[in-house]
């Protein structure tokens, strides 16, 4: 749930923003918060990776032929 919200709010910067949040909490000694925010970032990374087309999934455009 947090990952979806965070990704919607921060877009392509969502993962790095979540990791910055984890780093901030680490400096405060909040180890549970670090774990949670790193998990959020991991989910965002996974979701963004699933959305990217692989080389095989890229759309190939074939030139049309005029049939007269």
PDB file of N, CA and C in Angstrom:
ATOM      1  N   UNK A   1       0.828  -1.186   0.000  1.00  0.00           N
ATOM      2  CA  UNK A   1       0.000   0.000   0.000  1.00  0.00           C
ATOM      3  C   UNK A   1       0.876   1.254   0.000  1.00  0.00           C
ATOM      4  N   UNK A   2       1.872   1.300   0.865  1.00  0.00           N
ATOM      5  CA  UNK A   2       2.754   2.460   0.900  1.00  0.00           C
ATOM      6  C   UNK A   2       3.527   2.602  -0.401  1.00  0.00           C
ATOM      7  N   UNK A   3       3.930   1.474  -0.979  1.00  0.00           N
ATOM      8  CA  UNK A   3       4.704   1.515  -2.216  1.00  0.00           C
ATOM      9  C   UNK A   3       3.887   2.157  -3.336  1.00  0.00           C
ATOM     10  N   UNK A   4       2.622   1.795  -3.446  1.00  0.00           N
ATOM     11  CA  UNK A   4       1.767   2.383  -4.497  1.00  0.00           C
ATOM     12  C   UNK A   4       1.606   3.882  -4.294  1.00  0.00           C
ATOM     13  N   UNK A   5       1.342   4.273  -3.060  1.00  0.00           N
ATOM     14  CA  UNK A   5       1.187   5.699  -2.757  1.00  0.00           C
ATOM     15  C   UNK A   5       2.487   6.447  -3.047  1.00  0.00           C
ATOM     16  N   UNK A   6       3.597   5.901  -2.556  1.00  0.00           N
ATOM     17  CA  UNK A   6       4.896   6.556  -2.714  1.00  0.00           C
ATOM     18  C   UNK A   6       5.250   6.700  -4.194  1.00  0.00           C
ATOM     19  N   UNK A   7       4.996   5.635  -4.970  1.00  0.00           N
ATOM     20  CA  UNK A   7       5.281   5.671  -6.409  1.00  0.00           C
ATOM     21  C   UNK A   7       4.399   6.698  -7.115  1.00  0.00           C
ATOM     22  N   UNK A   8       3.142   6.790  -6.703  1.00  0.00           N
ATOM     23  CA  UNK A   8       2.236   7.766  -7.308  1.00  0.00           C
ATOM     24  C   UNK A   8       2.669   9.192  -6.955  1.00  0.00           C
ATOM     25  N   UNK A   9       3.120   9.371  -5.753  1.00  0.00           N
ATOM     26  CA  UNK A   9       3.513  10.711  -5.292  1.00  0.00           C
ATOM     27  C   UNK A   9       4.847  11.156  -5.861  1.00  0.00           C
ATOM     28  N   UNK A  10       5.827  10.248  -5.921  1.00  0.00           N
ATOM     29  CA  UNK A  10       7.188  10.630  -6.296  1.00  0.00           C
ATOM     30  C   UNK A  10       7.620  10.149  -7.677  1.00  0.00           C
ATOM     31  N   UNK A  11       6.786   9.382  -8.355  1.00  0.00           N
ATOM     32  CA  UNK A  11       7.074   8.960  -9.731  1.00  0.00           C
ATOM     33  C   UNK A  11       8.389   8.226  -9.872  1.00  0.00           C
ATOM     34  N   UNK A  12       9.195   8.647 -10.824  1.00  0.00           N
ATOM     35  CA  UNK A  12      10.451   7.946 -11.107  1.00  0.00           C
ATOM     36  C   UNK A  12      11.472   8.096  -9.982  1.00  0.00           C
ATOM     37  N   UNK A  13      11.245   9.036  -9.083  1.00  0.00           N
ATOM     38  CA  UNK A  13      12.145   9.230  -7.941  1.00  0.00           C
ATOM     39  C   UNK A  13      11.685   8.490  -6.693  1.00  0.00           C
ATOM     40  N   UNK A  14      10.654   7.690  -6.804  1.00  0.00           N
ATOM     41  CA  UNK A  14      10.045   7.056  -5.632  1.00  0.00           C
ATOM     42  C   UNK A  14      11.007   6.147  -4.881  1.00  0.00           C
ATOM     43  N   UNK A  15      11.707   5.305  -5.595  1.00  0.00           N
ATOM     44  CA  UNK A  15      12.610   4.361  -4.935  1.00  0.00           C
ATOM     45  C   UNK A  15      13.733   5.095  -4.200  1.00  0.00           C
ATOM     46  N   UNK A  16      14.362   6.038  -4.878  1.00  0.00           N
ATOM     47  CA  UNK A  16      15.463   6.764  -4.227  1.00  0.00           C
ATOM     48  C   UNK A  16      14.953   7.597  -3.056  1.00  0.00           C
ATOM     49  N   UNK A  17      13.753   8.125  -3.175  1.00  0.00           N
ATOM     50  CA  UNK A  17      13.167   8.894  -2.084  1.00  0.00           C
ATOM     51  C   UNK A  17      12.885   8.006  -0.871  1.00  0.00           C
ATOM     52  N   UNK A  18      12.375   6.805  -1.124  1.00  0.00           N
ATOM     53  CA  UNK A  18      12.113   5.864  -0.024  1.00  0.00           C
ATOM     54  C   UNK A  18      13.422   5.442   0.640  1.00  0.00           C
ATOM     55  N   UNK A  19      14.473   5.249  -0.157  1.00  0.00           N
ATOM     56  CA  UNK A  19      15.777   4.881   0.416  1.00  0.00           C
ATOM     57  C   UNK A  19      16.375   6.036   1.220  1.00  0.00           C
ATOM     58  N   UNK A  20      16.123   7.273   0.795  1.00  0.00           N
ATOM     59  CA  UNK A  20      16.572   8.435   1.577  1.00  0.00           C
ATOM     60  C   UNK A  20      15.846   8.480   2.922  1.00  0.00           C
ATOM     61  N   UNK A  21      14.561   8.134   2.885  1.00  0.00           N
ATOM     62  CA  UNK A  21      13.788   8.087   4.122  1.00  0.00           C
ATOM     63  C   UNK A  21      14.380   7.032   5.059  1.00  0.00           C
ATOM     64  N   UNK A  22      14.738   5.876   4.503  1.00  0.00           N
ATOM     65  CA  UNK A  22      15.341   4.805   5.302  1.00  0.00           C
ATOM     66  C   UNK A  22      16.657   5.284   5.911  1.00  0.00           C
ATOM     67  N   UNK A  23      17.463   5.979   5.124  1.00  0.00           N
ATOM     68  CA  UNK A  23      18.759   6.477   5.597  1.00  0.00           C
ATOM     69  C   UNK A  23      18.564   7.491   6.722  1.00  0.00           C
ATOM     70  N   UNK A  24      17.558   8.327   6.569  1.00  0.00           N
ATOM     71  CA  UNK A  24      17.253   9.309   7.608  1.00  0.00           C
ATOM     72  C   UNK A  24      16.867   8.627   8.916  1.00  0.00           C
ATOM     73  N   UNK A  25      16.049   7.592   8.797  1.00  0.00           N
ATOM     74  CA  UNK A  25      15.626   6.857   9.991  1.00  0.00           C
ATOM     75  C   UNK A  25      16.789   6.081  10.610  1.00  0.00           C
ATOM     76  N   UNK A  26      17.705   5.625   9.766  1.00  0.00           N
ATOM     77  CA  UNK A  26      18.876   4.898  10.268  1.00  0.00           C
ATOM     78  C   UNK A  26      19.728   5.803  11.159  1.00  0.00           C
ATOM     79  N   UNK A  27      19.872   7.047  10.743  1.00  0.00           N
ATOM     80  CA  UNK A  27      20.670   7.979  11.536  1.00  0.00           C
ATOM     81  C   UNK A  27      20.024   8.274  12.891  1.00  0.00           C
ATOM     82  N   UNK A  28      18.725   8.016  12.981  1.00  0.00           N
ATOM     83  CA  UNK A  28      18.001   8.225  14.235  1.00  0.00           C
ATOM     84  C   UNK A  28      17.884   6.947  15.055  1.00  0.00           C
ATOM     85  N   UNK A  29      18.436   5.841  14.508  1.00  0.00           N
ATOM     86  CA  UNK A  29      18.407   4.577  15.241  1.00  0.00           C
ATOM     87  C   UNK A  29      17.114   3.790  15.093  1.00  0.00           C
ATOM     88  N   UNK A  30      16.279   4.158  14.151  1.00  0.00           N
ATOM     89  CA  UNK A  30      14.997   3.468  13.941  1.00  0.00           C
ATOM     90  C   UNK A  30      15.183   2.311  12.953  1.00  0.00           C
ATOM     91  N   UNK A  31      15.634   1.172  13.479  1.00  0.00           N
ATOM     92  CA  UNK A  31      15.953   0.022  12.630  1.00  0.00           C
ATOM     93  C   UNK A  31      14.717  -0.594  11.990  1.00  0.00           C
ATOM     94  N   UNK A  32      13.596  -0.575  12.695  1.00  0.00           N
ATOM     95  CA  UNK A  32      12.351  -1.087  12.103  1.00  0.00           C
ATOM     96  C   UNK A  32      11.907  -0.196  10.938  1.00  0.00           C
ATOM     97  N   UNK A  33      12.054   1.114  11.095  1.00  0.00           N
ATOM     98  CA  UNK A  33      11.709   2.044  10.028  1.00  0.00           C
ATOM     99  C   UNK A  33      12.604   1.865   8.813  1.00  0.00           C
ATOM    100  N   UNK A  34      13.893   1.618   9.063  1.00  0.00           N
ATOM    101  CA  UNK A  34      14.839   1.372   7.968  1.00  0.00           C
ATOM    102  C   UNK A  34      14.405   0.153   7.176  1.00  0.00           C
ATOM    103  N   UNK A  35      14.066  -0.909   7.889  1.00  0.00           N
ATOM    104  CA  UNK A  35      13.641  -2.149   7.224  1.00  0.00           C
ATOM    105  C   UNK A  35      12.374  -1.904   6.405  1.00  0.00           C
ATOM    106  N   UNK A  36      11.417  -1.221   6.989  1.00  0.00           N
ATOM    107  CA  UNK A  36      10.139  -0.976   6.314  1.00  0.00           C
ATOM    108  C   UNK A  36      10.335  -0.147   5.048  1.00  0.00           C
ATOM    109  N   UNK A  37      11.103   0.941   5.129  1.00  0.00           N
ATOM    110  CA  UNK A  37      11.265   1.812   3.964  1.00  0.00           C
ATOM    111  C   UNK A  37      12.121   1.180   2.878  1.00  0.00           C
ATOM    112  N   UNK A  38      13.088   0.355   3.277  1.00  0.00           N
ATOM    113  CA  UNK A  38      13.845  -0.383   2.258  1.00  0.00           C
ATOM    114  C   UNK A  38      12.961  -1.406   1.557  1.00  0.00           C
ATOM    115  N   UNK A  39      12.028  -1.998   2.286  1.00  0.00           N
ATOM    116  CA  UNK A  39      11.073  -2.928   1.659  1.00  0.00           C
ATOM    117  C   UNK A  39      10.152  -2.173   0.693  1.00  0.00           C
ATOM    118  N   UNK A  40       9.730  -0.992   1.067  1.00  0.00           N
ATOM    119  CA  UNK A  40       8.910  -0.163   0.176  1.00  0.00           C
ATOM    120  C   UNK A  40       9.696   0.125  -1.104  1.00  0.00           C
ATOM    121  N   UNK A  41      10.955   0.521  -0.964  1.00  0.00           N
ATOM    122  CA  UNK A  41      11.793   0.813  -2.128  1.00  0.00           C
ATOM    123  C   UNK A  41      11.981  -0.431  -2.991  1.00  0.00           C
ATOM    124  N   UNK A  42      12.151  -1.594  -2.361  1.00  0.00           N
ATOM    125  CA  UNK A  42      12.310  -2.839  -3.116  1.00  0.00           C
ATOM    126  C   UNK A  42      11.071  -3.153  -3.938  1.00  0.00           C
ATOM    127  N   UNK A  43       9.895  -2.950  -3.352  1.00  0.00           N
ATOM    128  CA  UNK A  43       8.639  -3.200  -4.076  1.00  0.00           C
ATOM    129  C   UNK A  43       8.510  -2.231  -5.242  1.00  0.00           C
ATOM    130  N   UNK A  44       8.846  -0.976  -5.025  1.00  0.00           N
ATOM    131  CA  UNK A  44       8.783   0.018  -6.097  1.00  0.00           C
ATOM    132  C   UNK A  44       9.730  -0.370  -7.225  1.00  0.00           C
ATOM    133  N   UNK A  45      10.957  -0.765  -6.872  1.00  0.00           N
ATOM    134  CA  UNK A  45      11.920  -1.198  -7.892  1.00  0.00           C
ATOM    135  C   UNK A  45      11.375  -2.371  -8.693  1.00  0.00           C
ATOM    136  N   UNK A  46      10.773  -3.317  -7.994  1.00  0.00           N
ATOM    137  CA  UNK A  46      10.227  -4.502  -8.659  1.00  0.00           C
ATOM    138  C   UNK A  46       9.086  -4.104  -9.599  1.00  0.00           C
ATOM    139  N   UNK A  47       8.196  -3.247  -9.143  1.00  0.00           N
ATOM    140  CA  UNK A  47       7.072  -2.818  -9.972  1.00  0.00           C
ATOM    141  C   UNK A  47       7.548  -2.041 -11.186  1.00  0.00           C
ATOM    142  N   UNK A  48       8.549  -1.192 -11.008  1.00  0.00           N
ATOM    143  CA  UNK A  48       9.063  -0.420 -12.136  1.00  0.00           C
ATOM    144  C   UNK A  48       9.781  -1.331 -13.126  1.00  0.00           C
ATOM    145  N   UNK A  49      10.456  -2.345 -12.629  1.00  0.00           N
ATOM    146  CA  UNK A  49      11.138  -3.288 -13.511  1.00  0.00           C
ATOM    147  C   UNK A  49      10.124  -4.074 -14.343  1.00  0.00           C
ATOM    148  N   UNK A  50       9.010  -4.432 -13.743  1.00  0.00           N
ATOM    149  CA  UNK A  50       7.969  -5.181 -14.452  1.00  0.00           C
ATOM    150  C   UNK A  50       7.321  -4.334 -15.542  1.00  0.00           C
ATOM    151  N   UNK A  51       7.304  -3.028 -15.370  1.00  0.00           N
ATOM    152  CA  UNK A  51       6.692  -2.139 -16.354  1.00  0.00           C
ATOM    153  C   UNK A  51       7.602  -1.881 -17.547  1.00  0.00           C
ATOM    154  N   UNK A  52       8.914  -2.031 -17.366  1.00  0.00           N
ATOM    155  CA  UNK A  52       9.857  -1.778 -18.459  1.00  0.00           C
ATOM    156  C   UNK A  52       9.847  -2.932 -19.438  1.00  0.00           C
ATOM    157  N   UNK A  53       9.747  -2.640 -20.708  1.00  0.00           N
ATOM    158  CA  UNK A  53       9.797  -3.734 -21.691  1.00  0.00           C
ATOM    159  C   UNK A  53      11.217  -4.272 -21.821  1.00  0.00           C
ATOM    160  N   UNK A  54      11.320  -5.560 -21.946  1.00  0.00           N
ATOM    161  CA  UNK A  54      12.618  -6.164 -22.215  1.00  0.00           C
ATOM    162  C   UNK A  54      12.860  -6.088 -23.715  1.00  0.00           C
ATOM    163  N   UNK A  55      14.032  -6.477 -24.147  1.00  0.00           N
ATOM    164  CA  UNK A  55      14.363  -6.422 -25.572  1.00  0.00           C
ATOM    165  C   UNK A  55      13.374  -7.243 -26.380  1.00  0.00           C
ATOM    166  N   UNK A  56      12.949  -8.378 -25.844  1.00  0.00           N
ATOM    167  CA  UNK A  56      11.993  -9.228 -26.557  1.00  0.00           C
ATOM    168  C   UNK A  56      10.602  -8.619 -26.589  1.00  0.00           C
ATOM    169  N   UNK A  57      10.269  -7.820 -25.601  1.00  0.00           N
ATOM    170  CA  UNK A  57       8.926  -7.267 -25.511  1.00  0.00           C
ATOM    171  C   UNK A  57       8.759  -5.958 -26.278  1.00  0.00           C
ATOM    172  N   UNK A  58       9.845  -5.392 -26.756  1.00  0.00           N
ATOM    173  CA  UNK A  58       9.736  -4.131 -27.475  1.00  0.00           C
ATOM    174  C   UNK A  58       8.906  -4.304 -28.733  1.00  0.00           C
ATOM    175  N   UNK A  59       8.153  -3.298 -29.026  1.00  0.00           N
ATOM    176  CA  UNK A  59       7.281  -3.340 -30.196  1.00  0.00           C
ATOM    177  C   UNK A  59       8.124  -3.091 -31.442  1.00  0.00           C
ATOM    178  N   UNK A  60       7.977  -3.950 -32.390  1.00  0.00           N
ATOM    179  CA  UNK A  60       8.699  -3.810 -33.651  1.00  0.00           C
ATOM    180  C   UNK A  60       7.718  -3.304 -34.683  1.00  0.00           C
ATOM    181  N   UNK A  61       8.069  -2.218 -35.344  1.00  0.00           N
ATOM    182  CA  UNK A  61       7.211  -1.647 -36.368  1.00  0.00           C
ATOM    183  C   UNK A  61       7.640  -2.169 -37.734  1.00  0.00           C
ATOM    184  N   UNK A  62       6.695  -2.721 -38.431  1.00  0.00           N
ATOM    185  CA  UNK A  62       6.961  -3.247 -39.778  1.00  0.00           C
ATOM    186  C   UNK A  62       6.386  -2.247 -40.765  1.00  0.00           C
ATOM    187  N   UNK A  63       7.197  -1.810 -41.736  1.00  0.00           N
ATOM    188  CA  UNK A  63       6.675  -0.847 -42.708  1.00  0.00           C
ATOM    189  C   UNK A  63       5.495  -1.435 -43.481  1.00  0.00           C
ATOM    190  N   UNK A  64       4.489  -0.617 -43.670  1.00  0.00           N
ATOM    191  CA  UNK A  64       3.318  -1.096 -44.406  1.00  0.00           C
ATOM    192  C   UNK A  64       3.608  -1.120 -45.900  1.00  0.00           C
ATOM    193  N   UNK A  65       2.947  -2.003 -46.594  1.00  0.00           N
ATOM    194  CA  UNK A  65       3.099  -2.109 -48.045  1.00  0.00           C
ATOM    195  C   UNK A  65       1.804  -1.657 -48.695  1.00  0.00           C
ATOM    196  N   UNK A  66       1.930  -0.830 -49.671  1.00  0.00           N
ATOM    197  CA  UNK A  66       0.739  -0.396 -50.416  1.00  0.00           C
ATOM    198  C   UNK A  66       0.390  -1.460 -51.432  1.00  0.00           C
ATOM    199  N   UNK A  67      -0.762  -2.036 -51.277  1.00  0.00           N
ATOM    200  CA  UNK A  67      -1.215  -3.066 -52.222  1.00  0.00           C
ATOM    201  C   UNK A  67      -2.239  -2.407 -53.144  1.00  0.00           C
ATOM    202  N   UNK A  68      -1.908  -2.345 -54.420  1.00  0.00           N
ATOM    203  CA  UNK A  68      -2.810  -1.700 -55.383  1.00  0.00           C
ATOM    204  C   UNK A  68      -3.330  -2.684 -56.378  1.00  0.00           C
TER     205      UNK A  68
END
